[in-house]
Amino acid sequence: MKNIFVGNLSFEASEESVRALFATHGTVDRVNIVTDRDTGKARAFGFVEMANDGEGDKAIAAVNGKDLDGRALTVNEAHPKTDRSSGGGNAFGRKRW
């Protein structure tokens, strides 16, 4: 399975329009447009899952930079979210003794 990041989506983009764009390159299992949890509005990026890795690679190459709703898409393979522990940092926001 290929998990694909799709960035620079227009705020009006729908799951159906994204699915149609990728479906011309293979079988699309799932489309998820990320929304703001407070407002419910689209956050201009999402993810597409394609069952076949080869089709996913071809879709990435074909769709990256392509225009959808007046915006050039940024498309690449999605990577698992890394754990961002709260270690380290800088002195901003801390009291100086």
PDB file of N, CA and C in Angstrom:
ATOM      1  N   MET A   1       0.854  -1.181   0.000  1.00  0.00           N
ATOM      2  CA  MET A   1       0.000   0.000   0.000  1.00  0.00           C
ATOM      3  C   MET A   1       0.892   1.234   0.000  1.00  0.00           C
ATOM      4  N   LYS A   2       0.514   2.227  -0.777  1.00  0.00           N
ATOM      5  CA  LYS A   2       1.258   3.485  -0.873  1.00  0.00           C
ATOM      6  C   LYS A   2       0.421   4.587  -0.250  1.00  0.00           C
ATOM      7  N   ASN A   3       0.982   5.269   0.754  1.00  0.00           N
ATOM      8  CA  ASN A   3       0.323   6.397   1.399  1.00  0.00           C
ATOM      9  C   ASN A   3       0.963   7.666   0.834  1.00  0.00           C
ATOM     10  N   ILE A   4       0.145   8.538   0.250  1.00  0.00           N
ATOM     11  CA  ILE A   4       0.627   9.694  -0.492  1.00  0.00           C
ATOM     12  C   ILE A   4       0.161  10.980   0.168  1.00  0.00           C
ATOM     13  N   PHE A   5       1.105  11.903   0.391  1.00  0.00           N
ATOM     14  CA  PHE A   5       0.796  13.230   0.915  1.00  0.00           C
ATOM     15  C   PHE A   5       0.450  14.142  -0.256  1.00  0.00           C
ATOM     16  N   VAL A   6      -0.634  14.904  -0.110  1.00  0.00           N
ATOM     17  CA  VAL A   6      -1.049  15.864  -1.136  1.00  0.00           C
ATOM     18  C   VAL A   6      -1.153  17.225  -0.467  1.00  0.00           C
ATOM     19  N   GLY A   7      -0.258  18.135  -0.819  1.00  0.00           N
ATOM     20  CA  GLY A   7      -0.238  19.462  -0.230  1.00  0.00           C
ATOM     21  C   GLY A   7      -0.654  20.539  -1.207  1.00  0.00           C
ATOM     22  N   ASN A   8      -0.941  21.711  -0.674  1.00  0.00           N
ATOM     23  CA  ASN A   8      -1.359  22.891  -1.425  1.00  0.00           C
ATOM     24  C   ASN A   8      -2.728  22.703  -2.079  1.00  0.00           C
ATOM     25  N   LEU A   9      -3.593  21.928  -1.434  1.00  0.00           N
ATOM     26  CA  LEU A   9      -4.957  21.781  -1.925  1.00  0.00           C
ATOM     27  C   LEU A   9      -5.719  23.086  -1.718  1.00  0.00           C
ATOM     28  N   SER A  10      -6.639  23.370  -2.610  1.00  0.00           N
ATOM     29  CA  SER A  10      -7.490  24.537  -2.393  1.00  0.00           C
ATOM     30  C   SER A  10      -8.439  24.209  -1.241  1.00  0.00           C
ATOM     31  N   PHE A  11      -8.929  25.229  -0.587  1.00  0.00           N
ATOM     32  CA  PHE A  11      -9.825  25.005   0.553  1.00  0.00           C
ATOM     33  C   PHE A  11     -11.174  24.476   0.102  1.00  0.00           C
ATOM     34  N   GLU A  12     -11.453  24.549  -1.197  1.00  0.00           N
ATOM     35  CA  GLU A  12     -12.705  24.031  -1.748  1.00  0.00           C
ATOM     36  C   GLU A  12     -12.556  22.616  -2.303  1.00  0.00           C
ATOM     37  N   ALA A  13     -11.354  22.062  -2.290  1.00  0.00           N
ATOM     38  CA  ALA A  13     -11.126  20.718  -2.842  1.00  0.00           C
ATOM     39  C   ALA A  13     -11.968  19.703  -2.079  1.00  0.00           C
ATOM     40  N   SER A  14     -12.498  18.744  -2.821  1.00  0.00           N
ATOM     41  CA  SER A  14     -13.320  17.701  -2.205  1.00  0.00           C
ATOM     42  C   SER A  14     -12.615  16.353  -2.332  1.00  0.00           C
ATOM     43  N   GLU A  15     -13.032  15.414  -1.508  1.00  0.00           N
ATOM     44  CA  GLU A  15     -12.484  14.063  -1.604  1.00  0.00           C
ATOM     45  C   GLU A  15     -12.739  13.489  -2.988  1.00  0.00           C
ATOM     46  N   GLU A  16     -13.894  13.803  -3.565  1.00  0.00           N
ATOM     47  CA  GLU A  16     -14.251  13.290  -4.893  1.00  0.00           C
ATOM     48  C   GLU A  16     -13.314  13.831  -5.972  1.00  0.00           C
ATOM     49  N   SER A  17     -12.966  15.128  -5.911  1.00  0.00           N
ATOM     50  CA  SER A  17     -12.094  15.703  -6.942  1.00  0.00           C
ATOM     51  C   SER A  17     -10.673  15.149  -6.820  1.00  0.00           C
ATOM     52  N   VAL A  18     -10.203  14.951  -5.600  1.00  0.00           N
ATOM     53  CA  VAL A  18      -8.868  14.384  -5.391  1.00  0.00           C
ATOM     54  C   VAL A  18      -8.863  12.924  -5.843  1.00  0.00           C
ATOM     55  N   ARG A  19      -9.901  12.184  -5.504  1.00  0.00           N
ATOM     56  CA  ARG A  19      -9.999  10.775  -5.915  1.00  0.00           C
ATOM     57  C   ARG A  19      -9.989  10.662  -7.435  1.00  0.00           C
ATOM     58  N   ALA A  20     -10.747  11.521  -8.101  1.00  0.00           N
ATOM     59  CA  ALA A  20     -10.819  11.473  -9.570  1.00  0.00           C
ATOM     60  C   ALA A  20      -9.452  11.753 -10.188  1.00  0.00           C
ATOM     61  N   LEU A  21      -8.700  12.675  -9.620  1.00  0.00           N
ATOM     62  CA  LEU A  21      -7.380  13.011 -10.136  1.00  0.00           C
ATOM     63  C   LEU A  21      -6.427  11.815 -10.030  1.00  0.00           C
ATOM     64  N   PHE A  22      -6.447  11.116  -8.900  1.00  0.00           N
ATOM     65  CA  PHE A  22      -5.542   9.990  -8.688  1.00  0.00           C
ATOM     66  C   PHE A  22      -6.048   8.706  -9.336  1.00  0.00           C
ATOM     67  N   ALA A  23      -7.344   8.553  -9.485  1.00  0.00           N
ATOM     68  CA  ALA A  23      -7.922   7.326 -10.034  1.00  0.00           C
ATOM     69  C   ALA A  23      -7.512   7.088 -11.479  1.00  0.00           C
ATOM     70  N   THR A  24      -7.112   8.128 -12.187  1.00  0.00           N
ATOM     71  CA  THR A  24      -6.656   7.935 -13.569  1.00  0.00           C
ATOM     72  C   THR A  24      -5.311   7.205 -13.613  1.00  0.00           C
ATOM     73  N   HIS A  25      -4.672   7.037 -12.454  1.00  0.00           N
ATOM     74  CA  HIS A  25      -3.361   6.392 -12.390  1.00  0.00           C
ATOM     75  C   HIS A  25      -3.398   5.062 -11.643  1.00  0.00           C
ATOM     76  N   GLY A  26      -4.559   4.655 -11.134  1.00  0.00           N
ATOM     77  CA  GLY A  26      -4.674   3.379 -10.435  1.00  0.00           C
ATOM     78  C   GLY A  26      -5.835   3.384  -9.457  1.00  0.00           C
ATOM     79  N   THR A  27      -5.918   2.316  -8.689  1.00  0.00           N
ATOM     80  CA  THR A  27      -7.010   2.141  -7.736  1.00  0.00           C
ATOM     81  C   THR A  27      -6.744   2.935  -6.460  1.00  0.00           C
ATOM     82  N   VAL A  28      -7.681   3.803  -6.120  1.00  0.00           N
ATOM     83  CA  VAL A  28      -7.578   4.617  -4.912  1.00  0.00           C
ATOM     84  C   VAL A  28      -8.414   3.959  -3.824  1.00  0.00           C
ATOM     85  N   ASP A  29      -7.772   3.601  -2.721  1.00  0.00           N
ATOM     86  CA  ASP A  29      -8.488   2.977  -1.610  1.00  0.00           C
ATOM     87  C   ASP A  29      -9.179   4.000  -0.720  1.00  0.00           C
ATOM     88  N   ARG A  30      -8.466   5.120  -0.443  1.00  0.00           N
ATOM     89  CA  ARG A  30      -9.021   6.079   0.503  1.00  0.00           C
ATOM     90  C   ARG A  30      -8.451   7.459   0.239  1.00  0.00           C
ATOM     91  N   VAL A  31      -9.277   8.476   0.452  1.00  0.00           N
ATOM     92  CA  VAL A  31      -8.853   9.874   0.385  1.00  0.00           C
ATOM     93  C   VAL A  31      -9.251  10.525   1.691  1.00  0.00           C
ATOM     94  N   ASN A  32      -8.314  11.260   2.300  1.00  0.00           N
ATOM     95  CA  ASN A  32      -8.593  11.949   3.555  1.00  0.00           C
ATOM     96  C   ASN A  32      -8.080  13.380   3.447  1.00  0.00           C
ATOM     97  N   ILE A  33      -8.986  14.343   3.382  1.00  0.00           N
ATOM     98  CA  ILE A  33      -8.600  15.749   3.403  1.00  0.00           C
ATOM     99  C   ILE A  33      -8.642  16.192   4.855  1.00  0.00           C
ATOM    100  N   VAL A  34      -7.520  16.683   5.351  1.00  0.00           N
ATOM    101  CA  VAL A  34      -7.383  17.048   6.761  1.00  0.00           C
ATOM    102  C   VAL A  34      -8.129  18.357   7.018  1.00  0.00           C
ATOM    103  N   THR A  35      -8.902  18.359   8.112  1.00  0.00           N
ATOM    104  CA  THR A  35      -9.674  19.542   8.482  1.00  0.00           C
ATOM    105  C   THR A  35      -9.268  20.027   9.867  1.00  0.00           C
ATOM    106  N   ASP A  36      -9.488  21.299  10.113  1.00  0.00           N
ATOM    107  CA  ASP A  36      -9.215  21.891  11.415  1.00  0.00           C
ATOM    108  C   ASP A  36     -10.248  21.355  12.402  1.00  0.00           C
ATOM    109  N   ARG A  37      -9.811  20.890  13.540  1.00  0.00           N
ATOM    110  CA  ARG A  37     -10.755  20.282  14.483  1.00  0.00           C
ATOM    111  C   ARG A  37     -11.710  21.302  15.113  1.00  0.00           C
ATOM    112  N   ASP A  38     -11.297  22.572  15.174  1.00  0.00           N
ATOM    113  CA  ASP A  38     -12.164  23.594  15.768  1.00  0.00           C
ATOM    114  C   ASP A  38     -13.178  24.150  14.778  1.00  0.00           C
ATOM    115  N   THR A  39     -12.722  24.443  13.548  1.00  0.00           N
ATOM    116  CA  THR A  39     -13.605  25.083  12.572  1.00  0.00           C
ATOM    117  C   THR A  39     -14.223  24.112  11.576  1.00  0.00           C
ATOM    118  N   GLY A  40     -13.593  22.940  11.401  1.00  0.00           N
ATOM    119  CA  GLY A  40     -14.089  21.977  10.427  1.00  0.00           C
ATOM    120  C   GLY A  40     -13.704  22.318   8.993  1.00  0.00           C
ATOM    121  N   LYS A  41     -12.950  23.406   8.802  1.00  0.00           N
ATOM    122  CA  LYS A  41     -12.534  23.810   7.459  1.00  0.00           C
ATOM    123  C   LYS A  41     -11.292  23.030   7.045  1.00  0.00           C
ATOM    124  N   ALA A  42     -11.157  22.830   5.728  1.00  0.00           N
ATOM    125  CA  ALA A  42     -10.005  22.118   5.186  1.00  0.00           C
ATOM    126  C   ALA A  42      -8.716  22.863   5.522  1.00  0.00           C
ATOM    127  N   ARG A  43      -7.639  22.102   5.738  1.00  0.00           N
ATOM    128  CA  ARG A  43      -6.343  22.692   6.079  1.00  0.00           C
ATOM    129  C   ARG A  43      -5.377  22.681   4.898  1.00  0.00           C
ATOM    130  N   ALA A  44      -5.856  22.484   3.694  1.00  0.00           N
ATOM    131  CA  ALA A  44      -5.081  22.574   2.446  1.00  0.00           C
ATOM    132  C   ALA A  44      -4.112  21.420   2.228  1.00  0.00           C
ATOM    133  N   PHE A  45      -4.305  20.306   2.932  1.00  0.00           N
ATOM    134  CA  PHE A  45      -3.526  19.118   2.616  1.00  0.00           C
ATOM    135  C   PHE A  45      -4.328  17.879   2.971  1.00  0.00           C
ATOM    136  N   GLY A  46      -3.874  16.760   2.450  1.00  0.00           N
ATOM    137  CA  GLY A  46      -4.573  15.514   2.713  1.00  0.00           C
ATOM    138  C   GLY A  46      -3.707  14.329   2.340  1.00  0.00           C
ATOM    139  N   PHE A  47      -4.324  13.148   2.362  1.00  0.00           N
ATOM    140  CA  PHE A  47      -3.616  11.910   2.078  1.00  0.00           C
ATOM    141  C   PHE A  47      -4.457  11.042   1.164  1.00  0.00           C
ATOM    142  N   VAL A  48      -3.771  10.322   0.282  1.00  0.00           N
ATOM    143  CA  VAL A  48      -4.412   9.370  -0.624  1.00  0.00           C
ATOM    144  C   VAL A  48      -3.736   8.032  -0.398  1.00  0.00           C
ATOM    145  N   GLU A  49      -4.532   6.970  -0.243  1.00  0.00           N
ATOM    146  CA  GLU A  49      -3.983   5.622  -0.120  1.00  0.00           C
ATOM    147  C   GLU A  49      -4.299   4.857  -1.391  1.00  0.00           C
ATOM    148  N   MET A  50      -3.257   4.271  -1.976  1.00  0.00           N
ATOM    149  CA  MET A  50      -3.420   3.442  -3.176  1.00  0.00           C
ATOM    150  C   MET A  50      -2.901   2.048  -2.838  1.00  0.00           C
ATOM    151  N   ALA A  51      -3.632   1.020  -3.264  1.00  0.00           N
ATOM    152  CA  ALA A  51      -3.314  -0.354  -2.897  1.00  0.00           C
ATOM    153  C   ALA A  51      -2.014  -0.839  -3.522  1.00  0.00           C
ATOM    154  N   ASN A  52      -1.709  -0.399  -4.726  1.00  0.00           N
ATOM    155  CA  ASN A  52      -0.560  -0.886  -5.463  1.00  0.00           C
ATOM    156  C   ASN A  52       0.573   0.145  -5.406  1.00  0.00           C
ATOM    157  N   ASP A  53       1.746  -0.262  -4.912  1.00  0.00           N
ATOM    158  CA  ASP A  53       2.879   0.654  -4.783  1.00  0.00           C
ATOM    159  C   ASP A  53       3.312   1.224  -6.129  1.00  0.00           C
ATOM    160  N   GLY A  54       3.325   0.395  -7.159  1.00  0.00           N
ATOM    161  CA  GLY A  54       3.720   0.848  -8.491  1.00  0.00           C
ATOM    162  C   GLY A  54       2.785   1.915  -9.025  1.00  0.00           C
ATOM    163  N   GLU A  55       1.485   1.700  -8.855  1.00  0.00           N
ATOM    164  CA  GLU A  55       0.504   2.702  -9.281  1.00  0.00           C
ATOM    165  C   GLU A  55       0.663   3.976  -8.465  1.00  0.00           C
ATOM    166  N   GLY A  56       0.948   3.826  -7.180  1.00  0.00           N
ATOM    167  CA  GLY A  56       1.153   4.985  -6.316  1.00  0.00           C
ATOM    168  C   GLY A  56       2.347   5.809  -6.752  1.00  0.00           C
ATOM    169  N   ASP A  57       3.456   5.134  -7.096  1.00  0.00           N
ATOM    170  CA  ASP A  57       4.644   5.841  -7.566  1.00  0.00           C
ATOM    171  C   ASP A  57       4.362   6.590  -8.862  1.00  0.00           C
ATOM    172  N   LYS A  58       3.638   5.946  -9.774  1.00  0.00           N
ATOM    173  CA  LYS A  58       3.288   6.600 -11.044  1.00  0.00           C
ATOM    174  C   LYS A  58       2.378   7.800 -10.800  1.00  0.00           C
ATOM    175  N   ALA A  59       1.440   7.657  -9.868  1.00  0.00           N
ATOM    176  CA  ALA A  59       0.523   8.762  -9.549  1.00  0.00           C
ATOM    177  C   ALA A  59       1.291   9.942  -8.960  1.00  0.00           C
ATOM    178  N   ILE A  60       2.246   9.666  -8.072  1.00  0.00           N
ATOM    179  CA  ILE A  60       3.049  10.740  -7.476  1.00  0.00           C
ATOM    180  C   ILE A  60       3.774  11.508  -8.573  1.00  0.00           C
ATOM    181  N   ALA A  61       4.418  10.783  -9.485  1.00  0.00           N
ATOM    182  CA  ALA A  61       5.169  11.425 -10.567  1.00  0.00           C
ATOM    183  C   ALA A  61       4.257  12.226 -11.488  1.00  0.00           C
ATOM    184  N   ALA A  62       3.067  11.706 -11.752  1.00  0.00           N
ATOM    185  CA  ALA A  62       2.156  12.363 -12.689  1.00  0.00           C
ATOM    186  C   ALA A  62       1.424  13.558 -12.085  1.00  0.00           C
ATOM    187  N   VAL A  63       1.081  13.492 -10.809  1.00  0.00           N
ATOM    188  CA  VAL A  63       0.226  14.510 -10.199  1.00  0.00           C
ATOM    189  C   VAL A  63       1.026  15.636  -9.535  1.00  0.00           C
ATOM    190  N   ASN A  64       2.266  15.369  -9.131  1.00  0.00           N
ATOM    191  CA  ASN A  64       3.072  16.405  -8.479  1.00  0.00           C
ATOM    192  C   ASN A  64       3.220  17.615  -9.409  1.00  0.00           C
ATOM    193  N   GLY A  65       2.831  18.779  -8.914  1.00  0.00           N
ATOM    194  CA  GLY A  65       2.902  20.010  -9.696  1.00  0.00           C
ATOM    195  C   GLY A  65       1.684  20.272 -10.561  1.00  0.00           C
ATOM    196  N   LYS A  66       0.788  19.307 -10.633  1.00  0.00           N
ATOM    197  CA  LYS A  66      -0.420  19.453 -11.454  1.00  0.00           C
ATOM    198  C   LYS A  66      -1.389  20.432 -10.791  1.00  0.00           C
ATOM    199  N   ASP A  67      -2.130  21.152 -11.612  1.00  0.00           N
ATOM    200  CA  ASP A  67      -3.080  22.143 -11.124  1.00  0.00           C
ATOM    201  C   ASP A  67      -4.412  21.488 -10.764  1.00  0.00           C
ATOM    202  N   LEU A  68      -4.924  21.802  -9.583  1.00  0.00           N
ATOM    203  CA  LEU A  68      -6.265  21.386  -9.169  1.00  0.00           C
ATOM    204  C   LEU A  68      -6.924  22.585  -8.509  1.00  0.00           C
ATOM    205  N   ASP A  69      -8.005  23.040  -9.074  1.00  0.00           N
ATOM    206  CA  ASP A  69      -8.740  24.201  -8.553  1.00  0.00           C
ATOM    207  C   ASP A  69      -7.846  25.441  -8.457  1.00  0.00           C
ATOM    208  N   GLY A  70      -6.950  25.612  -9.444  1.00  0.00           N
ATOM    209  CA  GLY A  70      -6.118  26.805  -9.487  1.00  0.00           C
ATOM    210  C   GLY A  70      -4.874  26.780  -8.624  1.00  0.00           C
ATOM    211  N   ARG A  71      -4.538  25.633  -8.054  1.00  0.00           N
ATOM    212  CA  ARG A  71      -3.344  25.538  -7.208  1.00  0.00           C
ATOM    213  C   ARG A  71      -2.490  24.360  -7.655  1.00  0.00           C
ATOM    214  N   ALA A  72      -1.173  24.587  -7.730  1.00  0.00           N
ATOM    215  CA  ALA A  72      -0.234  23.528  -8.097  1.00  0.00           C
ATOM    216  C   ALA A  72      -0.015  22.626  -6.885  1.00  0.00           C
ATOM    217  N   LEU A  73      -0.300  21.351  -7.043  1.00  0.00           N
ATOM    218  CA  LEU A  73      -0.208  20.407  -5.929  1.00  0.00           C
ATOM    219  C   LEU A  73       1.227  20.003  -5.640  1.00  0.00           C
ATOM    220  N   THR A  74       1.509  19.755  -4.364  1.00  0.00           N
ATOM    221  CA  THR A  74       2.765  19.170  -3.921  1.00  0.00           C
ATOM    222  C   THR A  74       2.439  17.745  -3.501  1.00  0.00           C
ATOM    223  N   VAL A  75       3.011  16.780  -4.205  1.00  0.00           N
ATOM    224  CA  VAL A  75       2.657  15.374  -3.972  1.00  0.00           C
ATOM    225  C   VAL A  75       3.926  14.565  -3.764  1.00  0.00           C
ATOM    226  N   ASN A  76       3.958  13.813  -2.664  1.00  0.00           N
ATOM    227  CA  ASN A  76       5.078  12.907  -2.416  1.00  0.00           C
ATOM    228  C   ASN A  76       4.635  11.790  -1.485  1.00  0.00           C
ATOM    229  N   GLU A  77       5.511  10.815  -1.305  1.00  0.00           N
ATOM    230  CA  GLU A  77       5.180   9.693  -0.434  1.00  0.00           C
ATOM    231  C   GLU A  77       5.101  10.182   1.006  1.00  0.00           C
ATOM    232  N   ALA A  78       4.041   9.808   1.686  1.00  0.00           N
ATOM    233  CA  ALA A  78       3.871  10.180   3.095  1.00  0.00           C
ATOM    234  C   ALA A  78       4.726   9.267   3.953  1.00  0.00           C
ATOM    235  N   HIS A  79       5.275   9.831   5.003  1.00  0.00           N
ATOM    236  CA  HIS A  79       6.081   9.063   5.940  1.00  0.00           C
ATOM    237  C   HIS A  79       5.364   9.047   7.284  1.00  0.00           C
ATOM    238  N   PRO A  80       5.552   7.983   8.063  1.00  0.00           N
ATOM    239  CA  PRO A  80       4.880   7.915   9.366  1.00  0.00           C
ATOM    240  C   PRO A  80       5.246   9.114  10.233  1.00  0.00           C
ATOM    241  N   LYS A  81       4.288   9.545  11.014  1.00  0.00           N
ATOM    242  CA  LYS A  81       4.499  10.668  11.919  1.00  0.00           C
ATOM    243  C   LYS A  81       5.560  10.282  12.951  1.00  0.00           C
ATOM    244  N   THR A  82       6.542  11.156  13.136  1.00  0.00           N
ATOM    245  CA  THR A  82       7.588  10.869  14.116  1.00  0.00           C
ATOM    246  C   THR A  82       7.173  11.382  15.485  1.00  0.00           C
ATOM    247  N   ASP A  83       7.702  10.750  16.505  1.00  0.00           N
ATOM    248  CA  ASP A  83       7.405  11.152  17.875  1.00  0.00           C
ATOM    249  C   ASP A  83       8.200  12.407  18.188  1.00  0.00           C
ATOM    250  N   ARG A  84       7.496  13.474  18.503  1.00  0.00           N
ATOM    251  CA  ARG A  84       8.166  14.725  18.849  1.00  0.00           C
ATOM    252  C   ARG A  84       8.060  14.922  20.359  1.00  0.00           C
ATOM    253  N   SER A  85       8.994  14.314  21.084  1.00  0.00           N
ATOM    254  CA  SER A  85       8.966  14.460  22.533  1.00  0.00           C
ATOM    255  C   SER A  85       9.357  15.885  22.902  1.00  0.00           C
ATOM    256  N   SER A  86       8.998  16.296  24.072  1.00  0.00           N
ATOM    257  CA  SER A  86       9.211  17.683  24.483  1.00  0.00           C
ATOM    258  C   SER A  86      10.547  17.865  25.198  1.00  0.00           C
ATOM    259  N   GLY A  87      11.590  17.281  24.678  1.00  0.00           N
ATOM    260  CA  GLY A  87      12.903  17.454  25.278  1.00  0.00           C
ATOM    261  C   GLY A  87      13.658  18.592  24.618  1.00  0.00           C
ATOM    262  N   GLY A  88      14.690  19.083  25.263  1.00  0.00           N
ATOM    263  CA  GLY A  88      15.521  20.131  24.678  1.00  0.00           C
ATOM    264  C   GLY A  88      14.787  21.439  24.601  1.00  0.00           C
ATOM    265  N   GLY A  89      15.114  22.223  23.611  1.00  0.00           N
ATOM    266  CA  GLY A  89      14.436  23.491  23.437  1.00  0.00           C
ATOM    267  C   GLY A  89      15.357  24.653  23.688  1.00  0.00           C
ATOM    268  N   ASN A  90      14.756  25.803  23.933  1.00  0.00           N
ATOM    269  CA  ASN A  90      15.545  27.005  24.154  1.00  0.00           C
ATOM    270  C   ASN A  90      15.002  27.755  25.357  1.00  0.00           C
ATOM    271  N   ALA A  91      15.520  28.939  25.605  1.00  0.00           N
ATOM    272  CA  ALA A  91      15.159  29.685  26.800  1.00  0.00           C
ATOM    273  C   ALA A  91      13.904  30.525  26.643  1.00  0.00           C
ATOM    274  N   PHE A  92      13.315  30.563  25.459  1.00  0.00           N
ATOM    275  CA  PHE A  92      12.111  31.377  25.277  1.00  0.00           C
ATOM    276  C   PHE A  92      10.993  30.870  26.170  1.00  0.00           C
ATOM    277  N   GLY A  93      10.364  31.776  26.854  1.00  0.00           N
ATOM    278  CA  GLY A  93       9.228  31.419  27.696  1.00  0.00           C
ATOM    279  C   GLY A  93       9.598  30.906  29.070  1.00  0.00           C
ATOM    280  N   ARG A  94      10.888  30.779  29.354  1.00  0.00           N
ATOM    281  CA  ARG A  94      11.284  30.298  30.679  1.00  0.00           C
ATOM    282  C   ARG A  94      11.784  31.476  31.505  1.00  0.00           C
ATOM    283  N   LYS A  95      11.561  31.394  32.788  1.00  0.00           N
ATOM    284  CA  LYS A  95      12.049  32.440  33.708  1.00  0.00           C
ATOM    285  C   LYS A  95      13.556  32.310  33.849  1.00  0.00           C
ATOM    286  N   ARG A  96      14.171  33.444  33.933  1.00  0.00           N
ATOM    287  CA  ARG A  96      15.619  33.445  34.190  1.00  0.00           C
ATOM    288  C   ARG A  96      15.810  33.725  35.683  1.00  0.00           C
ATOM    289  N   TRP A  97      16.606  32.941  36.326  1.00  0.00           N
ATOM    290  CA  TRP A  97      16.802  33.064  37.776  1.00  0.00           C
ATOM    291  C   TRP A  97      18.003  33.859  38.089  1.00  0.00           C
TER     292      TRP A  97
END
